[in-house]
Amino acid sequence: MAHEALKKLVKLVVEARLREVDVTDGTAPHGSEKHISDLQTRIEDLTKWRDRQRRGTEARANYSRLIARLRVELKSAIRFAERSTNQKDEK
């Protein structure tokens, strides 16, 4: 029972961090170097935590889902940054 409570607490804490209004401290716009760097750091941190979990566990699956969401956000931020750079170069 304590194990289940701990799992729920970890899930709440991790998901709460991901639901912040902005992934960074609120000063970096989407696609900025700081935003991209922050996403990469969070993915690395969550990957380390995920790898500490046993394969096949719900905790590991939760971390994998969070990492997947962050990777999608990272790809979006990188594409946005590239498009912004291309538009500036064309002007």
N, C-alpha and C. Protein backbone atom coordinates (compact mmCIF):
# COMPACT_ATOMS: atom_id res chain seq x y z
N MET A 1 0.82 -1.18 0.00
CA MET A 1 0.00 0.00 0.00
C MET A 1 0.88 1.26 0.00
N ALA A 2 1.92 1.28 0.78
CA ALA A 2 2.82 2.43 0.82
C ALA A 2 3.49 2.62 -0.54
N HIS A 3 3.76 1.50 -1.22
CA HIS A 3 4.38 1.57 -2.54
C HIS A 3 3.45 2.27 -3.54
N GLU A 4 2.18 1.98 -3.47
CA GLU A 4 1.20 2.62 -4.36
C GLU A 4 1.11 4.11 -4.07
N ALA A 5 1.12 4.48 -2.81
CA ALA A 5 1.07 5.89 -2.44
C ALA A 5 2.30 6.63 -2.94
N LEU A 6 3.46 5.99 -2.84
CA LEU A 6 4.69 6.60 -3.31
C LEU A 6 4.64 6.78 -4.83
N LYS A 7 4.14 5.79 -5.54
CA LYS A 7 4.02 5.88 -7.00
C LYS A 7 3.12 7.05 -7.39
N LYS A 8 2.00 7.21 -6.68
CA LYS A 8 1.09 8.30 -6.99
C LYS A 8 1.74 9.65 -6.72
N LEU A 9 2.49 9.74 -5.64
CA LEU A 9 3.17 10.98 -5.30
C LEU A 9 4.21 11.35 -6.36
N VAL A 10 5.01 10.37 -6.78
CA VAL A 10 6.01 10.62 -7.82
C VAL A 10 5.33 11.08 -9.10
N LYS A 11 4.27 10.43 -9.46
CA LYS A 11 3.54 10.79 -10.68
C LYS A 11 3.01 12.21 -10.59
N LEU A 12 2.44 12.58 -9.45
CA LEU A 12 1.92 13.93 -9.28
C LEU A 12 3.01 14.98 -9.36
N VAL A 13 4.14 14.72 -8.73
CA VAL A 13 5.24 15.69 -8.72
C VAL A 13 5.80 15.87 -10.12
N VAL A 14 6.04 14.77 -10.81
CA VAL A 14 6.62 14.86 -12.16
C VAL A 14 5.64 15.54 -13.10
N GLU A 15 4.39 15.17 -13.07
CA GLU A 15 3.42 15.78 -13.97
C GLU A 15 3.18 17.24 -13.64
N ALA A 16 3.25 17.59 -12.37
CA ALA A 16 3.08 18.99 -11.98
C ALA A 16 4.19 19.85 -12.57
N ARG A 17 5.40 19.33 -12.55
CA ARG A 17 6.51 20.08 -13.14
C ARG A 17 6.31 20.27 -14.63
N LEU A 18 5.78 19.28 -15.29
CA LEU A 18 5.59 19.38 -16.74
C LEU A 18 4.44 20.30 -17.11
N ARG A 19 3.53 20.51 -16.18
CA ARG A 19 2.38 21.36 -16.48
C ARG A 19 2.63 22.82 -16.16
N GLU A 20 3.84 23.19 -15.88
CA GLU A 20 4.15 24.59 -15.64
C GLU A 20 3.73 25.39 -16.86
N VAL A 21 3.39 26.64 -16.65
CA VAL A 21 2.92 27.48 -17.76
C VAL A 21 3.94 27.49 -18.89
N ASP A 22 5.19 27.60 -18.55
CA ASP A 22 6.25 27.56 -19.54
C ASP A 22 7.28 26.58 -19.03
N VAL A 23 7.89 25.83 -19.89
CA VAL A 23 8.85 24.82 -19.45
C VAL A 23 10.02 25.47 -18.74
N THR A 24 10.43 26.64 -19.20
CA THR A 24 11.53 27.35 -18.56
C THR A 24 10.98 28.19 -17.43
N ASP A 25 11.76 29.14 -16.97
CA ASP A 25 11.33 29.97 -15.85
C ASP A 25 10.35 31.07 -16.23
N GLY A 26 9.82 31.01 -17.43
CA GLY A 26 8.84 31.99 -17.87
C GLY A 26 9.45 33.14 -18.65
N THR A 27 10.76 33.17 -18.79
CA THR A 27 11.40 34.27 -19.49
C THR A 27 11.83 33.89 -20.90
N ALA A 28 11.81 32.63 -21.23
CA ALA A 28 12.29 32.18 -22.54
C ALA A 28 11.11 31.81 -23.43
N PRO A 29 11.03 32.44 -24.59
CA PRO A 29 9.93 32.10 -25.50
C PRO A 29 10.13 30.74 -26.15
N HIS A 30 9.04 30.22 -26.68
CA HIS A 30 9.05 28.93 -27.37
C HIS A 30 10.08 28.97 -28.49
N GLY A 31 10.95 27.97 -28.54
CA GLY A 31 11.94 27.87 -29.61
C GLY A 31 13.24 28.60 -29.35
N SER A 32 13.34 29.27 -28.21
CA SER A 32 14.60 29.96 -27.91
C SER A 32 15.65 28.93 -27.48
N GLU A 33 16.91 29.35 -27.48
CA GLU A 33 17.98 28.44 -27.08
C GLU A 33 17.77 27.96 -25.65
N LYS A 34 17.34 28.86 -24.78
CA LYS A 34 17.12 28.49 -23.38
C LYS A 34 15.99 27.46 -23.26
N HIS A 35 14.93 27.66 -24.03
CA HIS A 35 13.80 26.74 -24.00
C HIS A 35 14.23 25.35 -24.47
N ILE A 36 14.95 25.31 -25.59
CA ILE A 36 15.42 24.03 -26.13
C ILE A 36 16.37 23.35 -25.17
N SER A 37 17.28 24.11 -24.58
CA SER A 37 18.23 23.55 -23.62
C SER A 37 17.51 22.98 -22.40
N ASP A 38 16.50 23.70 -21.92
CA ASP A 38 15.74 23.23 -20.77
C ASP A 38 15.01 21.93 -21.07
N LEU A 39 14.42 21.84 -22.26
CA LEU A 39 13.75 20.60 -22.65
C LEU A 39 14.73 19.43 -22.71
N GLN A 40 15.90 19.66 -23.28
CA GLN A 40 16.91 18.60 -23.37
C GLN A 40 17.35 18.15 -21.98
N THR A 41 17.53 19.10 -21.07
CA THR A 41 17.93 18.76 -19.70
C THR A 41 16.86 17.94 -19.01
N ARG A 42 15.60 18.33 -19.17
CA ARG A 42 14.51 17.59 -18.54
C ARG A 42 14.40 16.17 -19.11
N ILE A 43 14.59 16.03 -20.40
CA ILE A 43 14.55 14.70 -21.01
C ILE A 43 15.66 13.83 -20.44
N GLU A 44 16.86 14.38 -20.32
CA GLU A 44 17.99 13.63 -19.76
C GLU A 44 17.70 13.21 -18.31
N ASP A 45 17.18 14.15 -17.52
CA ASP A 45 16.87 13.84 -16.11
C ASP A 45 15.81 12.75 -15.99
N LEU A 46 14.73 12.89 -16.76
CA LEU A 46 13.67 11.90 -16.69
C LEU A 46 14.13 10.54 -17.21
N THR A 47 15.02 10.55 -18.19
CA THR A 47 15.56 9.28 -18.70
C THR A 47 16.35 8.57 -17.61
N LYS A 48 17.12 9.32 -16.85
CA LYS A 48 17.87 8.72 -15.74
C LYS A 48 16.93 8.12 -14.70
N TRP A 49 15.87 8.87 -14.37
CA TRP A 49 14.91 8.36 -13.39
C TRP A 49 14.18 7.13 -13.94
N ARG A 50 13.81 7.18 -15.22
CA ARG A 50 13.14 6.04 -15.83
C ARG A 50 14.01 4.79 -15.79
N ASP A 51 15.29 4.97 -16.10
CA ASP A 51 16.20 3.83 -16.15
C ASP A 51 16.43 3.20 -14.79
N ARG A 52 16.09 3.90 -13.73
CA ARG A 52 16.21 3.34 -12.37
C ARG A 52 15.03 2.43 -12.02
N GLN A 53 13.98 2.51 -12.83
CA GLN A 53 12.78 1.70 -12.58
C GLN A 53 12.92 0.35 -13.27
N ARG A 54 12.29 -0.65 -12.68
CA ARG A 54 12.32 -1.98 -13.29
C ARG A 54 11.48 -1.98 -14.55
N ARG A 55 11.96 -2.75 -15.53
CA ARG A 55 11.21 -2.88 -16.78
C ARG A 55 9.84 -3.51 -16.51
N GLY A 56 8.87 -3.01 -17.23
CA GLY A 56 7.52 -3.56 -17.09
C GLY A 56 6.69 -2.94 -15.98
N THR A 57 7.27 -2.02 -15.21
CA THR A 57 6.52 -1.41 -14.12
C THR A 57 5.74 -0.20 -14.62
N GLU A 58 4.70 0.15 -13.90
CA GLU A 58 3.89 1.31 -14.25
C GLU A 58 4.70 2.60 -14.12
N ALA A 59 5.58 2.65 -13.13
CA ALA A 59 6.41 3.84 -12.95
C ALA A 59 7.29 4.08 -14.18
N ARG A 60 7.89 3.03 -14.68
CA ARG A 60 8.74 3.17 -15.87
C ARG A 60 7.91 3.61 -17.08
N ALA A 61 6.71 3.07 -17.19
CA ALA A 61 5.83 3.45 -18.30
C ALA A 61 5.43 4.93 -18.19
N ASN A 62 5.19 5.41 -16.97
CA ASN A 62 4.84 6.82 -16.77
C ASN A 62 6.00 7.72 -17.20
N TYR A 63 7.20 7.36 -16.79
CA TYR A 63 8.36 8.15 -17.20
C TYR A 63 8.51 8.14 -18.72
N SER A 64 8.30 7.00 -19.33
CA SER A 64 8.42 6.90 -20.79
C SER A 64 7.41 7.79 -21.49
N ARG A 65 6.19 7.85 -20.97
CA ARG A 65 5.16 8.72 -21.55
C ARG A 65 5.56 10.19 -21.42
N LEU A 66 6.07 10.56 -20.26
CA LEU A 66 6.48 11.95 -20.06
C LEU A 66 7.64 12.32 -20.98
N ILE A 67 8.57 11.42 -21.13
CA ILE A 67 9.72 11.65 -22.01
C ILE A 67 9.24 11.81 -23.45
N ALA A 68 8.30 10.99 -23.85
CA ALA A 68 7.76 11.08 -25.22
C ALA A 68 7.10 12.43 -25.45
N ARG A 69 6.34 12.93 -24.47
CA ARG A 69 5.71 14.24 -24.60
C ARG A 69 6.75 15.34 -24.73
N LEU A 70 7.79 15.25 -23.92
CA LEU A 70 8.84 16.27 -23.98
C LEU A 70 9.59 16.23 -25.30
N ARG A 71 9.79 15.04 -25.84
CA ARG A 71 10.47 14.93 -27.14
C ARG A 71 9.64 15.58 -28.25
N VAL A 72 8.34 15.42 -28.19
CA VAL A 72 7.46 16.07 -29.17
C VAL A 72 7.58 17.58 -29.03
N GLU A 73 7.57 18.07 -27.80
CA GLU A 73 7.72 19.50 -27.55
C GLU A 73 9.08 20.00 -28.04
N LEU A 74 10.13 19.20 -27.81
CA LEU A 74 11.47 19.57 -28.25
C LEU A 74 11.53 19.67 -29.78
N LYS A 75 10.97 18.70 -30.47
CA LYS A 75 10.95 18.74 -31.95
C LYS A 75 10.21 19.97 -32.44
N SER A 76 9.10 20.29 -31.80
CA SER A 76 8.33 21.47 -32.17
C SER A 76 9.15 22.73 -31.96
N ALA A 77 9.83 22.82 -30.83
CA ALA A 77 10.64 24.01 -30.53
C ALA A 77 11.79 24.16 -31.52
N ILE A 78 12.42 23.05 -31.87
CA ILE A 78 13.54 23.10 -32.82
C ILE A 78 13.05 23.53 -34.20
N ARG A 79 11.92 22.97 -34.65
CA ARG A 79 11.35 23.35 -35.95
C ARG A 79 10.98 24.84 -35.96
N PHE A 80 10.39 25.29 -34.87
CA PHE A 80 10.01 26.70 -34.76
C PHE A 80 11.24 27.59 -34.84
N ALA A 81 12.30 27.22 -34.14
CA ALA A 81 13.54 28.00 -34.16
C ALA A 81 14.14 28.02 -35.56
N GLU A 82 14.12 26.88 -36.24
CA GLU A 82 14.67 26.81 -37.60
C GLU A 82 13.86 27.68 -38.56
N ARG A 83 12.54 27.62 -38.45
CA ARG A 83 11.69 28.45 -39.31
C ARG A 83 11.92 29.93 -39.05
N SER A 84 12.06 30.29 -37.79
CA SER A 84 12.32 31.70 -37.43
C SER A 84 13.64 32.16 -38.00
N THR A 85 14.66 31.31 -37.92
CA THR A 85 15.97 31.65 -38.46
C THR A 85 15.91 31.79 -39.97
N ASN A 86 15.21 30.90 -40.64
CA ASN A 86 15.08 30.96 -42.10
C ASN A 86 14.34 32.22 -42.54
N GLN A 87 13.31 32.60 -41.79
CA GLN A 87 12.56 33.80 -42.15
C GLN A 87 13.42 35.06 -41.96
N LYS A 88 14.25 35.08 -40.93
CA LYS A 88 15.15 36.22 -40.72
C LYS A 88 16.19 36.30 -41.82
N ASP A 89 16.68 35.15 -42.26
CA ASP A 89 17.70 35.11 -43.32
C ASP A 89 17.14 35.58 -44.66
N GLU A 90 15.85 35.31 -44.91
CA GLU A 90 15.23 35.70 -46.17
C GLU A 90 15.00 37.19 -46.27
N LYS A 91 14.89 37.87 -45.15
CA LYS A 91 14.61 39.31 -45.14
C LYS A 91 15.81 40.12 -45.40
